[in-house]
N, C-alpha and C. Protein backbone atom coordinates (compact mmCIF):
# COMPACT_ATOMS: atom_id res chain seq x y z
N MET A 1 -13.52 33.32 -12.81
CA MET A 1 -12.96 32.87 -11.53
C MET A 1 -12.98 31.33 -11.47
N THR A 2 -11.83 30.75 -11.17
CA THR A 2 -11.75 29.29 -11.09
C THR A 2 -11.76 28.83 -9.64
N THR A 3 -12.38 27.71 -9.43
CA THR A 3 -12.43 27.13 -8.09
C THR A 3 -11.44 25.97 -8.03
N GLU A 4 -10.55 26.00 -7.07
CA GLU A 4 -9.56 24.94 -6.95
C GLU A 4 -10.25 23.62 -6.58
N LYS A 5 -9.87 22.58 -7.30
CA LYS A 5 -10.46 21.27 -7.04
C LYS A 5 -9.96 20.73 -5.70
N PRO A 6 -10.83 20.07 -4.94
CA PRO A 6 -10.41 19.52 -3.65
C PRO A 6 -9.40 18.38 -3.84
N SER A 7 -8.54 18.20 -2.88
CA SER A 7 -7.58 17.12 -2.94
C SER A 7 -8.22 15.81 -2.49
N PHE A 8 -7.77 14.73 -3.08
CA PHE A 8 -8.12 13.39 -2.63
C PHE A 8 -7.00 12.93 -1.69
N VAL A 9 -7.38 12.47 -0.52
CA VAL A 9 -6.39 12.08 0.48
C VAL A 9 -6.62 10.65 0.94
N TYR A 10 -5.59 9.84 0.84
CA TYR A 10 -5.65 8.46 1.32
C TYR A 10 -4.91 8.39 2.65
N ILE A 11 -5.56 7.82 3.65
CA ILE A 11 -4.95 7.70 4.97
C ILE A 11 -4.25 6.34 5.09
N LEU A 12 -2.94 6.38 5.10
CA LEU A 12 -2.15 5.16 5.24
C LEU A 12 -1.73 5.07 6.71
N SER A 13 -2.39 4.20 7.44
CA SER A 13 -2.18 4.12 8.88
C SER A 13 -2.43 2.69 9.36
N PRO A 14 -2.07 2.38 10.61
CA PRO A 14 -2.38 1.05 11.14
C PRO A 14 -3.89 0.79 11.10
N VAL A 15 -4.27 -0.43 10.76
CA VAL A 15 -5.68 -0.83 10.77
C VAL A 15 -5.89 -1.96 11.77
N ARG A 16 -5.27 -3.09 11.50
CA ARG A 16 -5.35 -4.20 12.45
C ARG A 16 -4.38 -3.95 13.60
N GLY A 17 -4.82 -4.25 14.80
CA GLY A 17 -3.94 -4.11 15.95
C GLY A 17 -3.66 -2.68 16.36
N VAL A 18 -4.45 -1.74 15.82
CA VAL A 18 -4.24 -0.34 16.20
C VAL A 18 -4.63 -0.15 17.66
N THR A 19 -3.84 0.62 18.41
CA THR A 19 -4.13 0.86 19.82
C THR A 19 -5.16 1.98 19.95
N PRO A 20 -5.85 2.06 21.10
CA PRO A 20 -6.81 3.15 21.30
C PRO A 20 -6.17 4.53 21.13
N GLU A 21 -4.95 4.69 21.62
CA GLU A 21 -4.26 5.98 21.49
C GLU A 21 -3.99 6.31 20.03
N GLN A 22 -3.49 5.32 19.29
CA GLN A 22 -3.24 5.53 17.86
C GLN A 22 -4.54 5.82 17.12
N SER A 23 -5.58 5.11 17.48
CA SER A 23 -6.88 5.30 16.84
C SER A 23 -7.38 6.73 17.00
N GLU A 24 -7.19 7.30 18.18
CA GLU A 24 -7.62 8.67 18.43
C GLU A 24 -6.82 9.67 17.61
N ILE A 25 -5.52 9.43 17.50
CA ILE A 25 -4.66 10.32 16.71
C ILE A 25 -5.05 10.25 15.24
N ILE A 26 -5.28 9.04 14.74
CA ILE A 26 -5.69 8.87 13.34
C ILE A 26 -7.04 9.55 13.11
N LYS A 27 -7.98 9.34 14.03
CA LYS A 27 -9.31 9.95 13.91
C LYS A 27 -9.21 11.47 13.88
N SER A 28 -8.39 12.04 14.75
CA SER A 28 -8.23 13.50 14.80
C SER A 28 -7.65 14.03 13.49
N HIS A 29 -6.70 13.29 12.93
CA HIS A 29 -6.10 13.74 11.66
C HIS A 29 -7.13 13.68 10.54
N VAL A 30 -7.91 12.61 10.50
CA VAL A 30 -8.94 12.48 9.47
C VAL A 30 -9.94 13.63 9.57
N GLU A 31 -10.35 13.96 10.79
CA GLU A 31 -11.31 15.05 10.98
C GLU A 31 -10.72 16.38 10.51
N LEU A 32 -9.44 16.59 10.77
CA LEU A 32 -8.76 17.82 10.33
C LEU A 32 -8.76 17.93 8.81
N VAL A 33 -8.44 16.82 8.16
CA VAL A 33 -8.40 16.80 6.70
C VAL A 33 -9.79 17.03 6.12
N GLU A 34 -10.79 16.39 6.69
CA GLU A 34 -12.16 16.55 6.20
C GLU A 34 -12.66 17.97 6.38
N LYS A 35 -12.26 18.63 7.46
CA LYS A 35 -12.68 20.01 7.70
C LYS A 35 -12.13 20.95 6.63
N ARG A 36 -11.03 20.57 6.02
CA ARG A 36 -10.44 21.39 4.95
C ARG A 36 -11.16 21.16 3.62
N GLY A 37 -12.16 20.28 3.63
CA GLY A 37 -12.93 20.02 2.42
C GLY A 37 -12.28 19.01 1.49
N GLU A 38 -11.28 18.29 1.98
CA GLU A 38 -10.62 17.29 1.15
C GLU A 38 -11.40 15.98 1.18
N ILE A 39 -11.27 15.21 0.11
CA ILE A 39 -12.00 13.95 -0.03
C ILE A 39 -11.13 12.83 0.51
N VAL A 40 -11.59 12.16 1.55
CA VAL A 40 -10.75 11.24 2.30
C VAL A 40 -11.18 9.79 2.10
N PHE A 41 -10.18 8.92 1.95
CA PHE A 41 -10.41 7.48 2.03
C PHE A 41 -9.62 6.97 3.23
N ASN A 42 -10.36 6.51 4.22
CA ASN A 42 -9.76 5.97 5.43
C ASN A 42 -10.08 4.48 5.50
N PRO A 43 -9.11 3.61 5.20
CA PRO A 43 -9.39 2.17 5.15
C PRO A 43 -10.07 1.61 6.39
N ILE A 44 -9.83 2.23 7.54
CA ILE A 44 -10.45 1.73 8.77
C ILE A 44 -11.97 1.70 8.64
N LYS A 45 -12.54 2.69 7.95
CA LYS A 45 -14.00 2.72 7.82
C LYS A 45 -14.49 2.63 6.38
N ASP A 46 -13.62 2.89 5.41
CA ASP A 46 -14.08 2.93 4.02
C ASP A 46 -13.79 1.66 3.22
N ALA A 47 -12.95 0.78 3.75
CA ALA A 47 -12.70 -0.50 3.07
C ALA A 47 -13.54 -1.58 3.73
N PRO A 48 -14.07 -2.53 2.96
CA PRO A 48 -14.96 -3.57 3.51
C PRO A 48 -14.17 -4.62 4.29
N GLN A 49 -13.94 -4.37 5.57
CA GLN A 49 -13.07 -5.24 6.36
C GLN A 49 -13.62 -6.66 6.53
N GLU A 50 -14.94 -6.82 6.45
CA GLU A 50 -15.52 -8.17 6.54
C GLU A 50 -15.42 -8.83 5.17
N ASP A 51 -14.29 -9.42 4.93
CA ASP A 51 -13.96 -9.95 3.61
C ASP A 51 -13.16 -11.23 3.81
N LYS A 52 -13.65 -12.35 3.31
CA LYS A 52 -13.04 -13.64 3.61
C LYS A 52 -11.62 -13.78 3.08
N THR A 53 -11.35 -13.23 1.90
CA THR A 53 -10.02 -13.40 1.32
C THR A 53 -9.15 -12.15 1.45
N GLY A 54 -9.77 -10.98 1.49
CA GLY A 54 -9.04 -9.72 1.47
C GLY A 54 -9.08 -9.05 0.11
N TYR A 55 -9.58 -9.76 -0.90
CA TYR A 55 -9.59 -9.22 -2.26
C TYR A 55 -10.38 -7.92 -2.36
N ASN A 56 -11.58 -7.89 -1.77
CA ASN A 56 -12.43 -6.69 -1.88
C ASN A 56 -11.82 -5.50 -1.15
N ILE A 57 -11.12 -5.76 -0.06
CA ILE A 57 -10.42 -4.68 0.66
C ILE A 57 -9.36 -4.06 -0.25
N VAL A 58 -8.53 -4.92 -0.82
CA VAL A 58 -7.43 -4.45 -1.65
C VAL A 58 -7.96 -3.69 -2.87
N MET A 59 -9.02 -4.21 -3.50
CA MET A 59 -9.56 -3.55 -4.68
C MET A 59 -10.19 -2.20 -4.35
N ALA A 60 -10.84 -2.11 -3.19
CA ALA A 60 -11.43 -0.82 -2.79
C ALA A 60 -10.34 0.23 -2.60
N GLU A 61 -9.26 -0.18 -1.96
CA GLU A 61 -8.14 0.75 -1.75
C GLU A 61 -7.47 1.11 -3.07
N LEU A 62 -7.21 0.09 -3.89
CA LEU A 62 -6.54 0.33 -5.17
C LEU A 62 -7.38 1.21 -6.09
N ASN A 63 -8.68 0.99 -6.14
CA ASN A 63 -9.54 1.79 -7.01
C ASN A 63 -9.53 3.26 -6.60
N PHE A 64 -9.54 3.51 -5.28
CA PHE A 64 -9.50 4.90 -4.83
C PHE A 64 -8.14 5.53 -5.17
N LEU A 65 -7.07 4.80 -4.90
CA LEU A 65 -5.73 5.32 -5.19
C LEU A 65 -5.56 5.60 -6.67
N ASN A 66 -6.10 4.72 -7.50
CA ASN A 66 -5.99 4.92 -8.95
C ASN A 66 -6.80 6.13 -9.38
N LYS A 67 -8.01 6.28 -8.82
CA LYS A 67 -8.85 7.44 -9.15
C LYS A 67 -8.16 8.74 -8.76
N MET A 68 -7.58 8.76 -7.57
CA MET A 68 -6.98 10.00 -7.10
C MET A 68 -5.67 10.33 -7.82
N SER A 69 -5.11 9.38 -8.56
CA SER A 69 -3.87 9.63 -9.28
C SER A 69 -4.04 10.66 -10.39
N THR A 70 -5.30 10.87 -10.83
CA THR A 70 -5.57 11.86 -11.88
C THR A 70 -6.09 13.17 -11.29
N GLU A 71 -6.10 13.28 -9.99
CA GLU A 71 -6.61 14.47 -9.30
C GLU A 71 -5.50 15.07 -8.43
N ASN A 72 -5.83 16.21 -7.78
CA ASN A 72 -4.94 16.67 -6.71
C ASN A 72 -4.93 15.58 -5.66
N ASN A 73 -3.77 15.10 -5.28
CA ASN A 73 -3.75 13.95 -4.39
C ASN A 73 -2.65 14.03 -3.35
N ARG A 74 -2.87 13.26 -2.29
CA ARG A 74 -1.87 13.16 -1.23
C ARG A 74 -2.13 11.90 -0.42
N VAL A 75 -1.08 11.17 -0.13
CA VAL A 75 -1.16 10.03 0.77
C VAL A 75 -0.58 10.47 2.11
N ASP A 76 -1.43 10.56 3.12
CA ASP A 76 -0.99 10.95 4.46
C ASP A 76 -0.62 9.69 5.24
N ILE A 77 0.64 9.59 5.62
CA ILE A 77 1.12 8.38 6.28
C ILE A 77 1.27 8.60 7.78
N LEU A 78 0.61 7.77 8.54
CA LEU A 78 0.81 7.69 9.99
C LEU A 78 1.39 6.29 10.23
N TRP A 79 2.70 6.23 10.42
CA TRP A 79 3.44 4.96 10.34
C TRP A 79 3.78 4.43 11.72
N ASN A 80 3.56 3.13 11.88
CA ASN A 80 3.85 2.48 13.15
C ASN A 80 5.15 1.69 13.03
N LEU A 81 6.18 2.15 13.74
CA LEU A 81 7.47 1.46 13.73
C LEU A 81 7.50 0.28 14.69
N GLY A 82 6.52 0.21 15.58
CA GLY A 82 6.49 -0.86 16.57
C GLY A 82 5.26 -1.73 16.40
N GLY A 83 4.96 -2.51 17.43
CA GLY A 83 3.82 -3.41 17.36
C GLY A 83 4.04 -4.49 16.32
N LYS A 84 2.97 -5.14 15.89
CA LYS A 84 3.08 -6.15 14.85
C LYS A 84 3.18 -5.46 13.49
N PRO A 85 4.27 -5.69 12.76
CA PRO A 85 4.44 -5.01 11.46
C PRO A 85 3.26 -5.27 10.52
N SER A 86 2.79 -4.22 9.88
CA SER A 86 1.62 -4.29 9.02
C SER A 86 2.00 -4.63 7.58
N GLU A 87 1.49 -5.76 7.08
CA GLU A 87 1.70 -6.11 5.68
C GLU A 87 1.00 -5.10 4.77
N GLY A 88 -0.23 -4.73 5.15
CA GLY A 88 -1.02 -3.84 4.31
C GLY A 88 -0.37 -2.49 4.10
N SER A 89 0.28 -1.97 5.12
CA SER A 89 0.95 -0.68 4.98
C SER A 89 2.08 -0.77 3.95
N ARG A 90 2.78 -1.91 3.93
CA ARG A 90 3.86 -2.09 2.95
C ARG A 90 3.28 -2.16 1.53
N VAL A 91 2.19 -2.87 1.38
CA VAL A 91 1.54 -2.95 0.06
C VAL A 91 1.07 -1.56 -0.37
N ASP A 92 0.52 -0.81 0.56
CA ASP A 92 0.05 0.55 0.25
C ASP A 92 1.19 1.44 -0.23
N VAL A 93 2.36 1.31 0.39
CA VAL A 93 3.52 2.11 -0.04
C VAL A 93 3.84 1.80 -1.50
N GLY A 94 3.85 0.51 -1.84
CA GLY A 94 4.12 0.14 -3.23
C GLY A 94 3.08 0.66 -4.19
N MET A 95 1.80 0.54 -3.85
CA MET A 95 0.73 1.04 -4.72
C MET A 95 0.86 2.55 -4.91
N SER A 96 1.12 3.27 -3.83
CA SER A 96 1.20 4.73 -3.90
C SER A 96 2.34 5.18 -4.80
N PHE A 97 3.48 4.51 -4.68
CA PHE A 97 4.63 4.87 -5.52
C PHE A 97 4.36 4.53 -6.98
N SER A 98 3.81 3.35 -7.21
CA SER A 98 3.53 2.90 -8.57
C SER A 98 2.59 3.85 -9.30
N LEU A 99 1.63 4.42 -8.57
CA LEU A 99 0.64 5.32 -9.16
C LEU A 99 1.10 6.78 -9.17
N GLY A 100 2.31 7.03 -8.68
CA GLY A 100 2.87 8.39 -8.74
C GLY A 100 2.22 9.38 -7.81
N LEU A 101 1.76 8.92 -6.66
CA LEU A 101 1.04 9.79 -5.74
C LEU A 101 2.00 10.60 -4.86
N ASN A 102 1.49 11.71 -4.36
CA ASN A 102 2.27 12.56 -3.46
C ASN A 102 2.22 11.98 -2.04
N ILE A 103 3.36 11.75 -1.47
CA ILE A 103 3.44 11.08 -0.18
C ILE A 103 3.92 12.04 0.90
N LYS A 104 3.18 12.06 2.01
CA LYS A 104 3.52 12.94 3.14
C LYS A 104 3.56 12.11 4.42
N LEU A 105 4.66 12.18 5.14
CA LEU A 105 4.77 11.50 6.43
C LEU A 105 4.24 12.43 7.52
N VAL A 106 3.12 12.06 8.11
CA VAL A 106 2.42 12.91 9.07
C VAL A 106 2.80 12.59 10.51
N LYS A 107 2.90 11.29 10.82
CA LYS A 107 3.09 10.88 12.21
C LYS A 107 3.84 9.56 12.26
N ILE A 108 4.71 9.43 13.26
CA ILE A 108 5.43 8.18 13.50
C ILE A 108 5.05 7.67 14.88
N PHE A 109 4.53 6.45 14.94
CA PHE A 109 4.23 5.81 16.22
C PHE A 109 5.40 4.90 16.61
N ASN A 110 5.67 4.82 17.91
CA ASN A 110 6.67 3.88 18.45
C ASN A 110 8.05 4.05 17.84
N ASN A 111 8.50 5.31 17.72
CA ASN A 111 9.80 5.52 17.08
C ASN A 111 10.99 5.13 17.96
N LYS A 112 10.71 4.71 19.20
CA LYS A 112 11.78 4.23 20.07
C LYS A 112 11.62 2.74 20.39
N GLU A 113 10.59 2.11 19.80
CA GLU A 113 10.32 0.70 20.08
C GLU A 113 10.09 -0.04 18.76
N LEU A 114 11.13 -0.08 17.93
CA LEU A 114 11.02 -0.65 16.60
C LEU A 114 10.88 -2.16 16.64
N THR A 115 10.02 -2.67 15.77
CA THR A 115 9.86 -4.12 15.62
C THR A 115 9.79 -4.44 14.13
N GLY A 116 10.35 -5.58 13.75
CA GLY A 116 10.25 -6.04 12.37
C GLY A 116 11.18 -5.29 11.43
N PRO A 117 11.19 -5.70 10.15
CA PRO A 117 12.04 -5.04 9.15
C PRO A 117 11.54 -3.63 8.85
N GLN A 118 12.45 -2.76 8.42
CA GLN A 118 12.10 -1.35 8.25
C GLN A 118 12.38 -0.83 6.84
N LEU A 119 12.38 -1.71 5.85
CA LEU A 119 12.63 -1.30 4.48
C LEU A 119 11.61 -0.27 3.99
N ALA A 120 10.35 -0.49 4.29
CA ALA A 120 9.31 0.44 3.83
C ALA A 120 9.48 1.82 4.44
N PHE A 121 9.83 1.86 5.73
CA PHE A 121 10.01 3.16 6.37
C PHE A 121 11.22 3.88 5.79
N LYS A 122 12.29 3.17 5.51
CA LYS A 122 13.46 3.78 4.86
C LYS A 122 13.05 4.36 3.51
N THR A 123 12.20 3.63 2.82
CA THR A 123 11.72 4.09 1.51
C THR A 123 10.88 5.36 1.65
N ILE A 124 9.99 5.38 2.63
CA ILE A 124 9.17 6.56 2.88
C ILE A 124 10.05 7.77 3.21
N LYS A 125 11.03 7.56 4.07
CA LYS A 125 11.93 8.66 4.45
C LYS A 125 12.68 9.19 3.23
N GLU A 126 13.11 8.28 2.37
CA GLU A 126 13.83 8.70 1.17
C GLU A 126 12.92 9.52 0.25
N ILE A 127 11.69 9.07 0.07
CA ILE A 127 10.74 9.77 -0.80
C ILE A 127 10.41 11.16 -0.26
N THR A 128 10.15 11.24 1.02
CA THR A 128 9.68 12.50 1.61
C THR A 128 10.80 13.49 1.89
N ARG A 129 12.02 13.03 1.83
CA ARG A 129 13.14 13.94 2.09
C ARG A 129 13.35 14.90 0.93
N LYS A 130 12.94 14.48 -0.30
CA LYS A 130 12.95 15.35 -1.48
C LYS A 130 14.30 16.03 -1.72
N SER A 131 15.37 15.27 -1.57
CA SER A 131 16.69 15.82 -1.85
C SER A 131 17.24 15.18 -3.12
N LYS A 132 18.38 15.68 -3.58
CA LYS A 132 19.00 15.14 -4.79
C LYS A 132 20.08 14.12 -4.45
N LEU A 133 20.06 13.62 -3.24
CA LEU A 133 21.00 12.58 -2.85
C LEU A 133 20.64 11.28 -3.56
N LYS A 134 21.47 10.26 -3.40
CA LYS A 134 21.17 8.97 -4.01
C LYS A 134 19.84 8.44 -3.50
N THR A 135 19.12 7.76 -4.38
CA THR A 135 17.79 7.25 -4.02
C THR A 135 17.70 5.75 -4.33
N PRO A 136 18.44 4.92 -3.60
CA PRO A 136 18.47 3.49 -3.93
C PRO A 136 17.12 2.78 -3.81
N TYR A 137 16.30 3.19 -2.85
CA TYR A 137 15.01 2.51 -2.66
C TYR A 137 14.05 2.85 -3.81
N GLN A 138 14.02 4.12 -4.19
CA GLN A 138 13.18 4.50 -5.31
C GLN A 138 13.71 3.93 -6.62
N ASP A 139 15.03 3.87 -6.76
CA ASP A 139 15.62 3.29 -7.96
C ASP A 139 15.20 1.82 -8.10
N ARG A 140 15.21 1.10 -7.00
CA ARG A 140 14.81 -0.31 -7.04
C ARG A 140 13.36 -0.45 -7.49
N MET A 141 12.49 0.41 -6.97
CA MET A 141 11.08 0.34 -7.36
C MET A 141 10.88 0.74 -8.82
N ASN A 142 11.59 1.77 -9.26
CA ASN A 142 11.47 2.19 -10.66
C ASN A 142 11.98 1.10 -11.61
N ASN A 143 13.03 0.42 -11.21
CA ASN A 143 13.54 -0.68 -12.04
C ASN A 143 12.51 -1.80 -12.14
N LYS A 144 11.83 -2.07 -11.05
CA LYS A 144 10.80 -3.11 -11.06
C LYS A 144 9.63 -2.69 -11.95
N LEU A 145 9.22 -1.44 -11.88
CA LEU A 145 8.13 -0.96 -12.73
C LEU A 145 8.51 -1.03 -14.21
N GLU A 146 9.76 -0.74 -14.52
CA GLU A 146 10.23 -0.86 -15.90
C GLU A 146 10.18 -2.32 -16.35
N ASP A 147 10.54 -3.21 -15.44
CA ASP A 147 10.48 -4.64 -15.74
C ASP A 147 9.05 -5.09 -16.01
N PHE A 148 8.11 -4.56 -15.22
CA PHE A 148 6.69 -4.88 -15.45
C PHE A 148 6.26 -4.47 -16.85
N THR A 149 6.68 -3.27 -17.25
CA THR A 149 6.30 -2.75 -18.57
C THR A 149 6.87 -3.61 -19.68
N ASN A 150 8.11 -4.04 -19.52
CA ASN A 150 8.77 -4.82 -20.56
C ASN A 150 8.17 -6.22 -20.70
N LYS A 151 7.76 -6.82 -19.58
CA LYS A 151 7.29 -8.20 -19.62
C LYS A 151 5.76 -8.33 -19.61
N ASN A 152 5.08 -7.28 -19.14
CA ASN A 152 3.61 -7.26 -19.06
C ASN A 152 3.05 -8.35 -18.15
N GLU A 153 3.87 -8.88 -17.26
CA GLU A 153 3.40 -9.84 -16.27
C GLU A 153 4.45 -9.97 -15.17
N THR A 154 4.03 -10.51 -14.04
CA THR A 154 4.99 -10.75 -12.96
C THR A 154 4.51 -11.93 -12.13
N THR A 155 5.47 -12.65 -11.57
CA THR A 155 5.19 -13.74 -10.65
C THR A 155 5.76 -13.35 -9.29
N ILE A 156 4.93 -13.40 -8.26
CA ILE A 156 5.33 -12.94 -6.94
C ILE A 156 5.44 -14.12 -5.97
N ASP A 157 6.66 -14.38 -5.52
CA ASP A 157 6.87 -15.37 -4.46
C ASP A 157 6.44 -14.76 -3.14
N TRP A 158 6.03 -15.62 -2.21
CA TRP A 158 5.48 -15.08 -0.96
C TRP A 158 5.85 -15.95 0.25
N ASP A 159 6.42 -15.31 1.26
CA ASP A 159 6.63 -15.93 2.56
C ASP A 159 5.54 -15.47 3.50
N MET A 160 4.90 -16.40 4.19
CA MET A 160 3.84 -16.02 5.10
C MET A 160 4.38 -15.20 6.28
N GLU A 161 5.65 -15.39 6.61
CA GLU A 161 6.29 -14.57 7.64
C GLU A 161 6.86 -13.30 7.01
N MET A 162 6.95 -12.24 7.81
CA MET A 162 7.60 -11.02 7.35
C MET A 162 8.59 -10.56 8.43
N LYS A 163 9.72 -11.25 8.44
CA LYS A 163 10.74 -10.96 9.46
C LYS A 163 12.00 -10.34 8.88
N SER A 164 12.16 -10.41 7.58
CA SER A 164 13.36 -9.87 6.94
C SER A 164 12.97 -8.81 5.91
N GLU A 165 13.96 -8.02 5.47
CA GLU A 165 13.68 -7.01 4.46
C GLU A 165 13.33 -7.64 3.12
N ASP A 166 13.89 -8.82 2.84
CA ASP A 166 13.52 -9.51 1.60
C ASP A 166 12.04 -9.88 1.62
N GLN A 167 11.56 -10.35 2.76
CA GLN A 167 10.14 -10.69 2.88
C GLN A 167 9.28 -9.43 2.86
N GLU A 168 9.78 -8.36 3.44
CA GLU A 168 9.06 -7.09 3.40
C GLU A 168 8.98 -6.57 1.95
N TRP A 169 10.04 -6.76 1.20
CA TRP A 169 10.05 -6.33 -0.20
C TRP A 169 8.95 -7.03 -1.00
N GLN A 170 8.63 -8.29 -0.66
CA GLN A 170 7.55 -8.98 -1.35
C GLN A 170 6.25 -8.19 -1.25
N ARG A 171 6.00 -7.58 -0.09
CA ARG A 171 4.77 -6.79 0.10
C ARG A 171 4.82 -5.51 -0.73
N ILE A 172 5.96 -4.83 -0.69
CA ILE A 172 6.11 -3.59 -1.48
C ILE A 172 5.98 -3.92 -2.96
N ASN A 173 6.62 -5.00 -3.38
CA ASN A 173 6.59 -5.43 -4.77
C ASN A 173 5.17 -5.73 -5.23
N LEU A 174 4.38 -6.39 -4.38
CA LEU A 174 2.98 -6.63 -4.72
C LEU A 174 2.25 -5.32 -4.92
N GLY A 175 2.49 -4.34 -4.04
CA GLY A 175 1.86 -3.04 -4.20
C GLY A 175 2.24 -2.38 -5.51
N LEU A 176 3.51 -2.47 -5.89
CA LEU A 176 3.95 -1.94 -7.18
C LEU A 176 3.19 -2.61 -8.32
N ALA A 177 3.05 -3.93 -8.23
CA ALA A 177 2.36 -4.69 -9.28
C ALA A 177 0.88 -4.31 -9.36
N LEU A 178 0.24 -4.14 -8.21
CA LEU A 178 -1.17 -3.77 -8.19
C LEU A 178 -1.38 -2.39 -8.81
N GLY A 179 -0.52 -1.44 -8.46
CA GLY A 179 -0.62 -0.11 -9.04
C GLY A 179 -0.43 -0.14 -10.54
N HIS A 180 0.54 -0.93 -10.99
CA HIS A 180 0.80 -1.05 -12.43
C HIS A 180 -0.40 -1.69 -13.13
N MET A 181 -1.00 -2.69 -12.48
CA MET A 181 -2.18 -3.35 -13.04
C MET A 181 -3.35 -2.37 -13.18
N ALA A 182 -3.50 -1.47 -12.19
CA ALA A 182 -4.60 -0.50 -12.26
C ALA A 182 -4.47 0.40 -13.48
N LYS A 183 -3.24 0.75 -13.82
CA LYS A 183 -2.99 1.61 -14.98
C LYS A 183 -2.94 0.82 -16.29
N ASN A 184 -2.64 -0.47 -16.16
CA ASN A 184 -2.48 -1.32 -17.35
C ASN A 184 -3.27 -2.61 -17.13
N PRO A 185 -4.57 -2.61 -17.42
CA PRO A 185 -5.44 -3.74 -17.09
C PRO A 185 -5.01 -5.08 -17.69
N GLY A 186 -4.21 -5.05 -18.75
CA GLY A 186 -3.75 -6.30 -19.35
C GLY A 186 -2.57 -6.93 -18.63
N PHE A 187 -2.04 -6.23 -17.65
CA PHE A 187 -0.88 -6.73 -16.90
C PHE A 187 -1.30 -7.89 -16.00
N LYS A 188 -0.54 -8.99 -16.05
CA LYS A 188 -0.88 -10.20 -15.32
C LYS A 188 -0.06 -10.34 -14.04
N ILE A 189 -0.74 -10.73 -12.96
CA ILE A 189 -0.08 -11.02 -11.69
C ILE A 189 -0.31 -12.48 -11.34
N ARG A 190 0.78 -13.18 -11.05
CA ARG A 190 0.71 -14.59 -10.72
C ARG A 190 1.36 -14.84 -9.37
N LEU A 191 0.84 -15.84 -8.65
CA LEU A 191 1.46 -16.26 -7.39
C LEU A 191 2.52 -17.30 -7.69
N GLY A 192 3.74 -17.05 -7.20
CA GLY A 192 4.83 -17.99 -7.38
C GLY A 192 4.96 -18.94 -6.20
N LYS A 193 6.16 -19.09 -5.71
CA LYS A 193 6.42 -20.00 -4.60
C LYS A 193 5.84 -19.46 -3.30
N LEU A 194 5.02 -20.26 -2.64
CA LEU A 194 4.44 -19.89 -1.35
C LEU A 194 5.16 -20.64 -0.25
N THR A 195 5.76 -19.89 0.68
CA THR A 195 6.49 -20.49 1.79
C THR A 195 5.71 -20.28 3.08
N GLY A 196 5.43 -21.37 3.78
CA GLY A 196 4.64 -21.28 5.01
C GLY A 196 3.19 -21.66 4.76
N GLU A 197 2.43 -21.74 5.82
CA GLU A 197 1.03 -22.18 5.73
C GLU A 197 0.09 -20.98 5.66
N ASP A 198 -0.75 -20.98 4.65
CA ASP A 198 -1.76 -19.93 4.47
C ASP A 198 -3.06 -20.42 5.10
N ASP A 199 -3.37 -19.91 6.29
CA ASP A 199 -4.57 -20.33 7.03
C ASP A 199 -5.81 -20.11 6.16
N PRO A 200 -6.56 -21.17 5.86
CA PRO A 200 -7.74 -21.03 4.99
C PRO A 200 -8.84 -20.17 5.58
N ASN A 201 -8.79 -19.92 6.88
CA ASN A 201 -9.85 -19.16 7.55
C ASN A 201 -9.51 -17.69 7.76
N LYS A 202 -8.37 -17.25 7.22
CA LYS A 202 -7.96 -15.86 7.42
C LYS A 202 -7.71 -15.16 6.08
N LYS A 203 -7.92 -13.85 6.07
CA LYS A 203 -7.56 -13.04 4.90
C LYS A 203 -6.05 -13.11 4.70
N SER A 204 -5.62 -13.09 3.46
CA SER A 204 -4.18 -13.10 3.20
C SER A 204 -3.92 -12.59 1.79
N TYR A 205 -2.71 -12.10 1.56
CA TYR A 205 -2.36 -11.62 0.23
C TYR A 205 -2.21 -12.74 -0.78
N PRO A 206 -1.73 -13.93 -0.40
CA PRO A 206 -1.76 -15.02 -1.39
C PRO A 206 -3.17 -15.29 -1.92
N LYS A 207 -4.17 -15.21 -1.04
CA LYS A 207 -5.55 -15.41 -1.50
C LYS A 207 -5.96 -14.30 -2.46
N VAL A 208 -5.51 -13.07 -2.17
CA VAL A 208 -5.81 -11.95 -3.06
C VAL A 208 -5.19 -12.18 -4.43
N ILE A 209 -3.93 -12.59 -4.45
CA ILE A 209 -3.24 -12.82 -5.72
C ILE A 209 -3.93 -13.94 -6.50
N LYS A 210 -4.31 -15.00 -5.80
CA LYS A 210 -5.01 -16.11 -6.46
C LYS A 210 -6.33 -15.67 -7.06
N GLU A 211 -7.05 -14.80 -6.37
CA GLU A 211 -8.33 -14.30 -6.89
C GLU A 211 -8.11 -13.41 -8.11
N ILE A 212 -7.07 -12.58 -8.05
CA ILE A 212 -6.74 -11.76 -9.23
C ILE A 212 -6.41 -12.67 -10.41
N GLU A 213 -5.61 -13.69 -10.15
CA GLU A 213 -5.21 -14.62 -11.21
C GLU A 213 -6.44 -15.35 -11.78
N ARG A 214 -7.33 -15.76 -10.91
CA ARG A 214 -8.55 -16.45 -11.36
C ARG A 214 -9.38 -15.55 -12.28
N ARG A 215 -9.57 -14.32 -11.88
CA ARG A 215 -10.36 -13.40 -12.68
C ARG A 215 -9.68 -13.06 -14.00
N GLN A 216 -8.35 -12.92 -13.96
CA GLN A 216 -7.63 -12.64 -15.20
C GLN A 216 -7.72 -13.81 -16.17
N ASN A 217 -7.70 -15.02 -15.65
CA ASN A 217 -7.83 -16.21 -16.50
C ASN A 217 -9.21 -16.27 -17.17
N LEU A 218 -10.23 -15.81 -16.45
CA LEU A 218 -11.58 -15.81 -17.00
C LEU A 218 -11.74 -14.84 -18.16
N THR A 219 -11.01 -13.74 -18.07
CA THR A 219 -11.12 -12.70 -19.10
C THR A 219 -10.07 -12.85 -20.20
N GLY A 220 -9.19 -13.82 -20.01
CA GLY A 220 -8.16 -14.06 -21.02
C GLY A 220 -7.01 -13.11 -20.89
C-alpha cells in the first residue's frame, strides 16, 4: 500500500498593503489548505520580512518554490487587481512559471476597481485557462527562458516605477531569471540600466539583484 505524498503549496497573495478583509480571506484559505495536510509556504509569515535589502525574502521564497518543483506542487493565487500593484506578486508569477509549477487562481480581489498594468493577470488567466488557443504570454516567457539557456546570463534593466506593462514585464522577467538560476546555479544575473531613485532605506529588487551579483562575483 502506497501513501500519497502531500502537496507543497505556495500562497501567492498580497503581502504589503493587504487590507484586513483580504488578510482574513487569505488566512482562511491557508487554514483550509493546512487542514488537508498540505505543506504551505505563506510569505506573510514564512518569509523574513525584516530584511534591509529584500534579498533574504526573495531567497526564502525561491528556495521553497525550487524545492516544491520536484514534489506534488501547486501555487494558489489570490490576486489583487486593485490597490497598489504588487511588484512581488509579478516576480512570483515569473518564478512559478520558470520552475514549471502548477498554478491555480483561487481568488480575485478588486475585480471592479483595477489599478496599474495587468500583464501578469493576463498571463495568469492564460495559464489557468488550459485551452489550446494561442498563448502569447507563455510564448514570450518560454522564449526568454530559451534565451537564458543559450546565453547563461542576463542583464535586467529596471524602472523604479511600475505604471506600464513594459515596466511590469521587468518584474516578471526577473522572476523568470531567478527560477532559471535556482535550476542552473551557474546562471548569472546582472543589473542593467536603473531608472529612478532607489531609496537606500527601503527594500527593493535592484538591491536584491546587486546582492545576487555580488555573491556570484565572489564565487566566480
